[in-house]
Amino acid sequence: MAQEIERKFLLTSDAWRSEVDGSCRYVQGYLGSSEKVSIRIRTSGEKAFLNFKSATLGISRSEYEYEIPLADADEMLASFSDGPLIEKVRYFVQRGHHTWEIDLFEGDNAGLVVAEIELQHENEPFEKPAWIGEEVSDDPRYYNVSLVTHPFCEWNG
C-alpha cells in the first residue's frame, strides 16, 4: 500500500522566499470524496495525474497517484469536477535531506500559504526553519479537498 506521511504548517514570515529552488503551478479539482477517499485530478505544466487519497485525519494517509494524458485531465476537470478548481503555485525549499513545499493559493483561497514536508516515517526528525509556524496537520480546513467547499475567503479567523 502506498503511504504518504506529510506534515503541514503555517508560516511566520516570507523569509523562505530567498531560499526557493524552484516552483510550479498546479490546477486541481476533485471528482468525488467520501468518508473513505478523495479523488483528485491535478495538472502541472504538461503533466497530469489522477490521485486517490484516504480521507483520514493525521499525517499518515494512503495515497495512490497515476500519470494520465493532459488532454484527458483537462476534459475531466471541466466536466466532472466537484466545485471550483484549486489553483496554487508551489515553491520548493531544500533543507537538509528534506524538501519543503510552500503552497501559495489563488482565487477564493488567495492569502492562504501552507508549508508541507513529506517524511519517510511519522517520527522522522527534520530541520524546522525559523519561518515555520503553527502545525495544522490535524486541521481538516487546510486539506485541499476541504478548500473546494470551504474556501479561505469564507473563514472567519
N, C-alpha and C. Protein backbone atom coordinates (compact mmCIF):
# COMPACT_ATOMS: atom_id res chain seq x y z
N MET A 1 0.84 -1.18 0.00
CA MET A 1 0.00 0.00 0.00
C MET A 1 0.89 1.24 0.00
N ALA A 2 0.55 2.21 -0.84
CA ALA A 2 1.29 3.48 -0.89
C ALA A 2 0.89 4.33 0.30
N GLN A 3 1.88 4.89 0.97
CA GLN A 3 1.62 5.67 2.18
C GLN A 3 2.27 7.04 2.03
N GLU A 4 1.50 8.09 2.32
CA GLU A 4 2.03 9.44 2.36
C GLU A 4 2.10 9.88 3.82
N ILE A 5 3.26 10.34 4.22
CA ILE A 5 3.43 10.90 5.56
C ILE A 5 3.84 12.34 5.36
N GLU A 6 2.91 13.23 5.71
CA GLU A 6 3.09 14.65 5.39
C GLU A 6 2.65 15.50 6.57
N ARG A 7 3.45 16.50 6.89
CA ARG A 7 3.09 17.45 7.95
C ARG A 7 2.90 18.82 7.32
N LYS A 8 1.88 19.54 7.80
CA LYS A 8 1.54 20.86 7.26
C LYS A 8 1.72 21.92 8.34
N PHE A 9 2.22 23.08 7.91
CA PHE A 9 2.49 24.18 8.83
C PHE A 9 2.08 25.51 8.20
N LEU A 10 1.73 26.46 9.05
CA LEU A 10 1.59 27.84 8.62
C LEU A 10 2.97 28.47 8.65
N LEU A 11 3.11 29.63 8.05
CA LEU A 11 4.40 30.31 8.02
C LEU A 11 4.36 31.57 8.86
N THR A 12 5.50 31.95 9.40
CA THR A 12 5.59 33.13 10.25
C THR A 12 6.08 34.36 9.49
N SER A 13 6.67 34.13 8.30
CA SER A 13 7.20 35.25 7.52
C SER A 13 7.41 34.80 6.08
N ASP A 14 7.87 35.74 5.25
CA ASP A 14 8.20 35.44 3.86
C ASP A 14 9.69 35.15 3.68
N ALA A 15 10.41 34.92 4.76
CA ALA A 15 11.86 34.70 4.69
C ALA A 15 12.21 33.50 3.81
N TRP A 16 11.31 32.55 3.64
CA TRP A 16 11.55 31.37 2.81
C TRP A 16 11.81 31.73 1.35
N ARG A 17 11.28 32.88 0.93
CA ARG A 17 11.38 33.27 -0.49
C ARG A 17 12.82 33.34 -0.98
N SER A 18 13.75 33.72 -0.11
CA SER A 18 15.16 33.83 -0.51
C SER A 18 15.82 32.47 -0.67
N GLU A 19 15.13 31.40 -0.27
CA GLU A 19 15.70 30.05 -0.33
C GLU A 19 15.07 29.18 -1.42
N VAL A 20 14.17 29.72 -2.21
CA VAL A 20 13.43 28.94 -3.20
C VAL A 20 14.36 28.36 -4.26
N ASP A 21 14.20 27.04 -4.49
CA ASP A 21 14.98 26.33 -5.51
C ASP A 21 14.22 26.16 -6.82
N GLY A 22 12.92 26.32 -6.78
CA GLY A 22 12.10 26.13 -7.97
C GLY A 22 10.64 26.26 -7.62
N SER A 23 9.79 26.22 -8.65
CA SER A 23 8.35 26.34 -8.42
C SER A 23 7.59 25.71 -9.58
N CYS A 24 6.31 25.46 -9.34
CA CYS A 24 5.42 25.00 -10.40
C CYS A 24 4.00 25.42 -10.04
N ARG A 25 3.18 25.54 -11.06
CA ARG A 25 1.78 25.93 -10.86
C ARG A 25 0.92 24.68 -10.98
N TYR A 26 -0.02 24.55 -10.05
CA TYR A 26 -0.95 23.42 -10.05
C TYR A 26 -2.37 23.93 -10.24
N VAL A 27 -3.13 23.18 -11.01
CA VAL A 27 -4.58 23.33 -11.09
C VAL A 27 -5.14 21.97 -10.78
N GLN A 28 -6.05 21.91 -9.81
CA GLN A 28 -6.59 20.60 -9.44
C GLN A 28 -8.06 20.71 -9.07
N GLY A 29 -8.74 19.60 -9.29
CA GLY A 29 -10.15 19.51 -8.94
C GLY A 29 -10.43 18.12 -8.40
N TYR A 30 -11.56 18.02 -7.73
CA TYR A 30 -11.94 16.76 -7.10
C TYR A 30 -13.13 16.17 -7.83
N LEU A 31 -13.00 14.89 -8.16
CA LEU A 31 -14.05 14.18 -8.87
C LEU A 31 -15.01 13.53 -7.90
N GLY A 32 -14.65 13.54 -6.66
CA GLY A 32 -15.52 12.97 -5.63
C GLY A 32 -14.76 12.80 -4.34
N SER A 33 -15.51 12.76 -3.27
CA SER A 33 -14.91 12.46 -1.97
C SER A 33 -15.98 11.83 -1.10
N SER A 34 -15.51 11.03 -0.17
CA SER A 34 -16.41 10.37 0.76
C SER A 34 -15.71 10.32 2.11
N GLU A 35 -16.28 9.59 3.04
CA GLU A 35 -15.62 9.42 4.34
C GLU A 35 -14.36 8.58 4.21
N LYS A 36 -14.20 7.88 3.09
CA LYS A 36 -13.06 6.99 2.91
C LYS A 36 -11.96 7.55 2.01
N VAL A 37 -12.34 8.29 0.95
CA VAL A 37 -11.35 8.65 -0.07
C VAL A 37 -11.72 9.95 -0.78
N SER A 38 -10.69 10.66 -1.23
CA SER A 38 -10.89 11.77 -2.16
C SER A 38 -10.23 11.38 -3.48
N ILE A 39 -10.84 11.81 -4.59
CA ILE A 39 -10.33 11.50 -5.92
C ILE A 39 -10.04 12.83 -6.61
N ARG A 40 -8.78 13.02 -6.98
CA ARG A 40 -8.32 14.31 -7.48
C ARG A 40 -7.68 14.17 -8.86
N ILE A 41 -7.87 15.18 -9.69
CA ILE A 41 -7.12 15.36 -10.94
C ILE A 41 -6.26 16.59 -10.75
N ARG A 42 -4.97 16.49 -11.08
CA ARG A 42 -4.07 17.64 -10.94
C ARG A 42 -3.28 17.79 -12.22
N THR A 43 -3.16 19.04 -12.69
CA THR A 43 -2.29 19.34 -13.81
C THR A 43 -1.17 20.27 -13.34
N SER A 44 -0.02 20.10 -13.98
CA SER A 44 1.13 20.95 -13.72
C SER A 44 1.96 20.97 -14.99
N GLY A 45 1.97 22.11 -15.65
CA GLY A 45 2.69 22.19 -16.92
C GLY A 45 2.08 21.24 -17.93
N GLU A 46 2.90 20.37 -18.48
CA GLU A 46 2.46 19.41 -19.50
C GLU A 46 2.13 18.05 -18.92
N LYS A 47 2.03 17.93 -17.60
CA LYS A 47 1.74 16.65 -16.96
C LYS A 47 0.43 16.71 -16.20
N ALA A 48 -0.16 15.53 -16.03
CA ALA A 48 -1.41 15.44 -15.28
C ALA A 48 -1.44 14.12 -14.51
N PHE A 49 -2.15 14.14 -13.38
CA PHE A 49 -2.18 12.97 -12.51
C PHE A 49 -3.57 12.75 -11.95
N LEU A 50 -3.92 11.48 -11.79
CA LEU A 50 -5.12 11.04 -11.09
C LEU A 50 -4.66 10.54 -9.73
N ASN A 51 -5.30 11.01 -8.67
CA ASN A 51 -4.84 10.72 -7.32
C ASN A 51 -5.99 10.24 -6.46
N PHE A 52 -5.73 9.20 -5.67
CA PHE A 52 -6.68 8.69 -4.68
C PHE A 52 -6.00 8.82 -3.32
N LYS A 53 -6.66 9.48 -2.36
CA LYS A 53 -6.06 9.67 -1.04
C LYS A 53 -7.11 9.35 0.02
N SER A 54 -6.69 8.58 1.02
CA SER A 54 -7.62 8.26 2.10
C SER A 54 -8.03 9.54 2.81
N ALA A 55 -9.26 9.56 3.30
CA ALA A 55 -9.83 10.77 3.90
C ALA A 55 -9.64 10.83 5.41
N THR A 56 -8.69 10.09 5.92
CA THR A 56 -8.44 10.10 7.36
C THR A 56 -7.67 11.35 7.76
N LEU A 57 -7.86 11.77 9.00
CA LEU A 57 -7.10 12.89 9.54
C LEU A 57 -5.73 12.39 10.00
N GLY A 58 -4.78 13.29 10.06
CA GLY A 58 -3.47 12.94 10.57
C GLY A 58 -2.39 13.07 9.52
N ILE A 59 -1.17 12.74 9.90
CA ILE A 59 -0.04 12.94 8.99
C ILE A 59 0.22 11.75 8.07
N SER A 60 -0.39 10.61 8.36
CA SER A 60 -0.15 9.41 7.57
C SER A 60 -1.45 8.97 6.90
N ARG A 61 -1.41 8.93 5.55
CA ARG A 61 -2.60 8.53 4.80
C ARG A 61 -2.20 7.67 3.60
N SER A 62 -3.12 6.82 3.18
CA SER A 62 -2.89 6.03 1.97
C SER A 62 -3.05 6.95 0.77
N GLU A 63 -2.16 6.76 -0.22
CA GLU A 63 -2.22 7.59 -1.41
C GLU A 63 -1.74 6.81 -2.62
N TYR A 64 -2.48 6.93 -3.72
CA TYR A 64 -2.10 6.33 -4.99
C TYR A 64 -2.19 7.41 -6.05
N GLU A 65 -1.18 7.49 -6.91
CA GLU A 65 -1.17 8.52 -7.94
C GLU A 65 -0.68 7.94 -9.25
N TYR A 66 -1.36 8.32 -10.35
CA TYR A 66 -1.05 7.78 -11.67
C TYR A 66 -1.03 8.90 -12.69
N GLU A 67 0.00 8.91 -13.53
CA GLU A 67 0.05 9.90 -14.60
C GLU A 67 -0.99 9.55 -15.65
N ILE A 68 -1.67 10.59 -16.15
CA ILE A 68 -2.69 10.41 -17.19
C ILE A 68 -2.44 11.46 -18.27
N PRO A 69 -3.03 11.28 -19.47
CA PRO A 69 -2.84 12.27 -20.53
C PRO A 69 -3.41 13.63 -20.12
N LEU A 70 -2.67 14.69 -20.43
CA LEU A 70 -3.07 16.04 -20.07
C LEU A 70 -4.43 16.41 -20.67
N ALA A 71 -4.67 16.04 -21.90
CA ALA A 71 -5.95 16.36 -22.55
C ALA A 71 -7.12 15.71 -21.80
N ASP A 72 -6.93 14.47 -21.36
CA ASP A 72 -7.97 13.80 -20.58
C ASP A 72 -8.20 14.52 -19.26
N ALA A 73 -7.13 14.92 -18.61
CA ALA A 73 -7.24 15.62 -17.33
C ALA A 73 -8.00 16.93 -17.49
N ASP A 74 -7.67 17.70 -18.54
CA ASP A 74 -8.36 18.97 -18.77
C ASP A 74 -9.85 18.75 -19.00
N GLU A 75 -10.20 17.71 -19.76
CA GLU A 75 -11.62 17.39 -20.00
C GLU A 75 -12.31 16.97 -18.71
N MET A 76 -11.66 16.15 -17.90
CA MET A 76 -12.26 15.70 -16.64
C MET A 76 -12.44 16.87 -15.67
N LEU A 77 -11.46 17.76 -15.60
CA LEU A 77 -11.59 18.93 -14.72
C LEU A 77 -12.77 19.80 -15.15
N ALA A 78 -12.94 19.96 -16.46
CA ALA A 78 -14.03 20.80 -16.96
C ALA A 78 -15.40 20.13 -16.80
N SER A 79 -15.45 18.82 -16.92
CA SER A 79 -16.74 18.13 -16.95
C SER A 79 -17.18 17.50 -15.64
N PHE A 80 -16.22 17.01 -14.84
CA PHE A 80 -16.58 16.19 -13.69
C PHE A 80 -16.23 16.78 -12.33
N SER A 81 -15.54 17.89 -12.30
CA SER A 81 -15.02 18.42 -11.05
C SER A 81 -16.13 18.88 -10.11
N ASP A 82 -16.03 18.48 -8.83
CA ASP A 82 -16.95 18.93 -7.78
C ASP A 82 -16.49 20.29 -7.30
N GLY A 83 -17.29 21.32 -7.54
CA GLY A 83 -16.95 22.65 -7.04
C GLY A 83 -15.86 23.32 -7.85
N PRO A 84 -15.38 24.46 -7.37
CA PRO A 84 -14.35 25.20 -8.10
C PRO A 84 -13.00 24.49 -8.05
N LEU A 85 -12.14 24.86 -8.97
CA LEU A 85 -10.81 24.29 -9.01
C LEU A 85 -9.92 24.97 -7.98
N ILE A 86 -8.94 24.22 -7.48
CA ILE A 86 -7.92 24.75 -6.60
C ILE A 86 -6.75 25.15 -7.50
N GLU A 87 -6.31 26.40 -7.37
CA GLU A 87 -5.16 26.88 -8.13
C GLU A 87 -4.13 27.40 -7.14
N LYS A 88 -2.87 27.00 -7.37
CA LYS A 88 -1.81 27.42 -6.46
C LYS A 88 -0.47 27.33 -7.15
N VAL A 89 0.48 28.07 -6.60
CA VAL A 89 1.87 27.94 -7.02
C VAL A 89 2.61 27.29 -5.86
N ARG A 90 3.35 26.24 -6.18
CA ARG A 90 4.12 25.52 -5.17
C ARG A 90 5.60 25.87 -5.35
N TYR A 91 6.20 26.30 -4.25
CA TYR A 91 7.62 26.64 -4.22
C TYR A 91 8.37 25.56 -3.44
N PHE A 92 9.60 25.29 -3.86
CA PHE A 92 10.41 24.24 -3.24
C PHE A 92 11.62 24.85 -2.55
N VAL A 93 11.82 24.44 -1.29
CA VAL A 93 12.95 24.89 -0.49
C VAL A 93 13.63 23.66 0.10
N GLN A 94 14.88 23.47 -0.25
CA GLN A 94 15.65 22.33 0.26
C GLN A 94 16.25 22.68 1.62
N ARG A 95 16.05 21.82 2.59
CA ARG A 95 16.66 21.97 3.92
C ARG A 95 17.13 20.59 4.37
N GLY A 96 18.44 20.43 4.48
CA GLY A 96 18.97 19.13 4.87
C GLY A 96 18.58 18.08 3.85
N HIS A 97 18.03 16.96 4.33
CA HIS A 97 17.62 15.86 3.45
C HIS A 97 16.16 15.98 3.00
N HIS A 98 15.51 17.09 3.31
CA HIS A 98 14.09 17.24 3.02
C HIS A 98 13.84 18.45 2.11
N THR A 99 12.72 18.37 1.42
CA THR A 99 12.26 19.49 0.61
C THR A 99 10.97 20.03 1.21
N TRP A 100 10.97 21.30 1.57
CA TRP A 100 9.74 21.96 2.00
C TRP A 100 9.00 22.42 0.75
N GLU A 101 7.68 22.20 0.74
CA GLU A 101 6.83 22.64 -0.36
C GLU A 101 5.91 23.72 0.20
N ILE A 102 6.04 24.94 -0.33
CA ILE A 102 5.23 26.06 0.15
C ILE A 102 4.19 26.38 -0.91
N ASP A 103 2.92 26.26 -0.54
CA ASP A 103 1.81 26.50 -1.46
C ASP A 103 1.22 27.87 -1.23
N LEU A 104 1.21 28.70 -2.29
CA LEU A 104 0.52 29.99 -2.28
C LEU A 104 -0.74 29.82 -3.11
N PHE A 105 -1.87 29.88 -2.45
CA PHE A 105 -3.14 29.63 -3.10
C PHE A 105 -3.64 30.88 -3.81
N GLU A 106 -4.46 30.66 -4.84
CA GLU A 106 -5.04 31.74 -5.64
C GLU A 106 -6.56 31.66 -5.57
N GLY A 107 -7.24 32.57 -6.24
CA GLY A 107 -8.70 32.55 -6.32
C GLY A 107 -9.33 32.75 -4.95
N ASP A 108 -10.36 31.94 -4.65
CA ASP A 108 -11.08 32.04 -3.38
C ASP A 108 -10.20 31.67 -2.19
N ASN A 109 -9.06 31.08 -2.43
CA ASN A 109 -8.14 30.70 -1.35
C ASN A 109 -6.92 31.62 -1.28
N ALA A 110 -6.95 32.73 -2.03
CA ALA A 110 -5.84 33.69 -2.01
C ALA A 110 -5.61 34.17 -0.58
N GLY A 111 -4.35 34.30 -0.24
CA GLY A 111 -3.97 34.71 1.10
C GLY A 111 -3.56 33.54 1.97
N LEU A 112 -3.94 32.34 1.58
CA LEU A 112 -3.56 31.15 2.32
C LEU A 112 -2.19 30.68 1.84
N VAL A 113 -1.28 30.48 2.78
CA VAL A 113 0.05 29.97 2.49
C VAL A 113 0.32 28.83 3.47
N VAL A 114 0.64 27.67 2.94
CA VAL A 114 0.87 26.48 3.77
C VAL A 114 2.17 25.83 3.33
N ALA A 115 2.98 25.41 4.30
CA ALA A 115 4.21 24.66 4.01
C ALA A 115 4.00 23.21 4.38
N GLU A 116 4.49 22.31 3.54
CA GLU A 116 4.37 20.88 3.79
C GLU A 116 5.74 20.23 3.69
N ILE A 117 5.90 19.16 4.43
CA ILE A 117 7.11 18.36 4.34
C ILE A 117 6.69 16.89 4.35
N GLU A 118 7.24 16.11 3.42
CA GLU A 118 6.96 14.68 3.38
C GLU A 118 8.09 13.93 4.07
N LEU A 119 7.70 12.94 4.85
CA LEU A 119 8.64 12.17 5.66
C LEU A 119 8.58 10.70 5.30
N GLN A 120 9.61 9.95 5.67
CA GLN A 120 9.65 8.51 5.44
C GLN A 120 8.92 7.75 6.54
N HIS A 121 8.90 8.31 7.76
CA HIS A 121 8.15 7.71 8.86
C HIS A 121 7.67 8.82 9.78
N GLU A 122 6.64 8.55 10.57
CA GLU A 122 5.97 9.58 11.35
C GLU A 122 6.87 10.29 12.35
N ASN A 123 7.85 9.61 12.92
CA ASN A 123 8.72 10.21 13.93
C ASN A 123 10.06 10.67 13.37
N GLU A 124 10.16 10.76 12.06
CA GLU A 124 11.42 11.17 11.43
C GLU A 124 11.78 12.60 11.81
N PRO A 125 13.00 12.82 12.27
CA PRO A 125 13.42 14.20 12.59
C PRO A 125 13.64 15.01 11.31
N PHE A 126 13.41 16.31 11.41
CA PHE A 126 13.64 17.19 10.27
C PHE A 126 13.99 18.58 10.79
N GLU A 127 14.68 19.33 9.95
CA GLU A 127 15.06 20.69 10.30
C GLU A 127 13.85 21.60 10.11
N LYS A 128 13.51 22.34 11.14
CA LYS A 128 12.37 23.25 11.10
C LYS A 128 12.88 24.68 10.97
N PRO A 129 12.79 25.26 9.76
CA PRO A 129 13.28 26.63 9.57
C PRO A 129 12.56 27.64 10.47
N ALA A 130 13.19 28.77 10.71
CA ALA A 130 12.62 29.81 11.57
C ALA A 130 11.31 30.35 11.03
N TRP A 131 11.08 30.25 9.72
CA TRP A 131 9.86 30.78 9.13
C TRP A 131 8.68 29.81 9.21
N ILE A 132 8.88 28.65 9.81
CA ILE A 132 7.79 27.69 10.01
C ILE A 132 7.10 28.01 11.33
N GLY A 133 5.76 28.07 11.28
CA GLY A 133 4.97 28.39 12.46
C GLY A 133 4.15 27.21 12.93
N GLU A 134 2.90 27.50 13.25
CA GLU A 134 1.98 26.52 13.84
C GLU A 134 1.74 25.33 12.92
N GLU A 135 1.75 24.12 13.49
CA GLU A 135 1.42 22.92 12.73
C GLU A 135 -0.10 22.80 12.60
N VAL A 136 -0.57 22.49 11.37
CA VAL A 136 -2.01 22.36 11.11
C VAL A 136 -2.32 21.02 10.45
N SER A 137 -1.45 20.04 10.65
CA SER A 137 -1.63 18.72 10.02
C SER A 137 -2.95 18.07 10.38
N ASP A 138 -3.45 18.30 11.59
CA ASP A 138 -4.69 17.67 12.04
C ASP A 138 -5.92 18.54 11.85
N ASP A 139 -5.78 19.67 11.18
CA ASP A 139 -6.91 20.57 10.97
C ASP A 139 -7.45 20.36 9.55
N PRO A 140 -8.63 19.76 9.41
CA PRO A 140 -9.15 19.43 8.07
C PRO A 140 -9.41 20.65 7.19
N ARG A 141 -9.52 21.85 7.76
CA ARG A 141 -9.73 23.04 6.94
C ARG A 141 -8.61 23.24 5.93
N TYR A 142 -7.41 22.77 6.26
CA TYR A 142 -6.24 23.00 5.42
C TYR A 142 -6.05 21.93 4.35
N TYR A 143 -6.89 20.92 4.33
CA TYR A 143 -6.82 19.91 3.28
C TYR A 143 -7.39 20.52 2.00
N ASN A 144 -6.72 20.29 0.89
CA ASN A 144 -7.18 20.86 -0.38
C ASN A 144 -8.61 20.48 -0.70
N VAL A 145 -8.99 19.25 -0.40
CA VAL A 145 -10.36 18.81 -0.68
C VAL A 145 -11.37 19.65 0.11
N SER A 146 -11.00 20.13 1.28
CA SER A 146 -11.89 20.98 2.08
C SER A 146 -11.95 22.40 1.53
N LEU A 147 -10.86 22.86 0.93
CA LEU A 147 -10.81 24.23 0.41
C LEU A 147 -11.74 24.43 -0.78
N VAL A 148 -12.18 23.34 -1.40
CA VAL A 148 -13.14 23.44 -2.50
C VAL A 148 -14.49 23.90 -1.98
N THR A 149 -14.94 23.31 -0.88
CA THR A 149 -16.28 23.62 -0.35
C THR A 149 -16.26 24.71 0.72
N HIS A 150 -15.12 24.91 1.37
CA HIS A 150 -14.98 25.94 2.40
C HIS A 150 -13.70 26.73 2.14
N PRO A 151 -13.72 27.60 1.09
CA PRO A 151 -12.50 28.32 0.72
C PRO A 151 -12.06 29.30 1.81
N PHE A 152 -10.80 29.64 1.77
CA PHE A 152 -10.16 30.51 2.75
C PHE A 152 -10.87 31.86 2.87
N CYS A 153 -11.42 32.37 1.76
CA CYS A 153 -12.08 33.67 1.80
C CYS A 153 -13.32 33.67 2.68
N GLU A 154 -13.84 32.50 3.01
CA GLU A 154 -15.04 32.40 3.87
C GLU A 154 -14.72 32.13 5.33
N TRP A 155 -13.45 31.96 5.66
CA TRP A 155 -13.07 31.69 7.06
C TRP A 155 -13.25 32.96 7.87
N ASN A 156 -13.62 32.78 9.11
CA ASN A 156 -13.81 33.92 9.99
C ASN A 156 -12.77 33.95 11.10
N GLY A 157 -11.54 33.65 10.77
CA GLY A 157 -10.47 33.71 11.77
C GLY A 157 -10.22 32.45 12.35
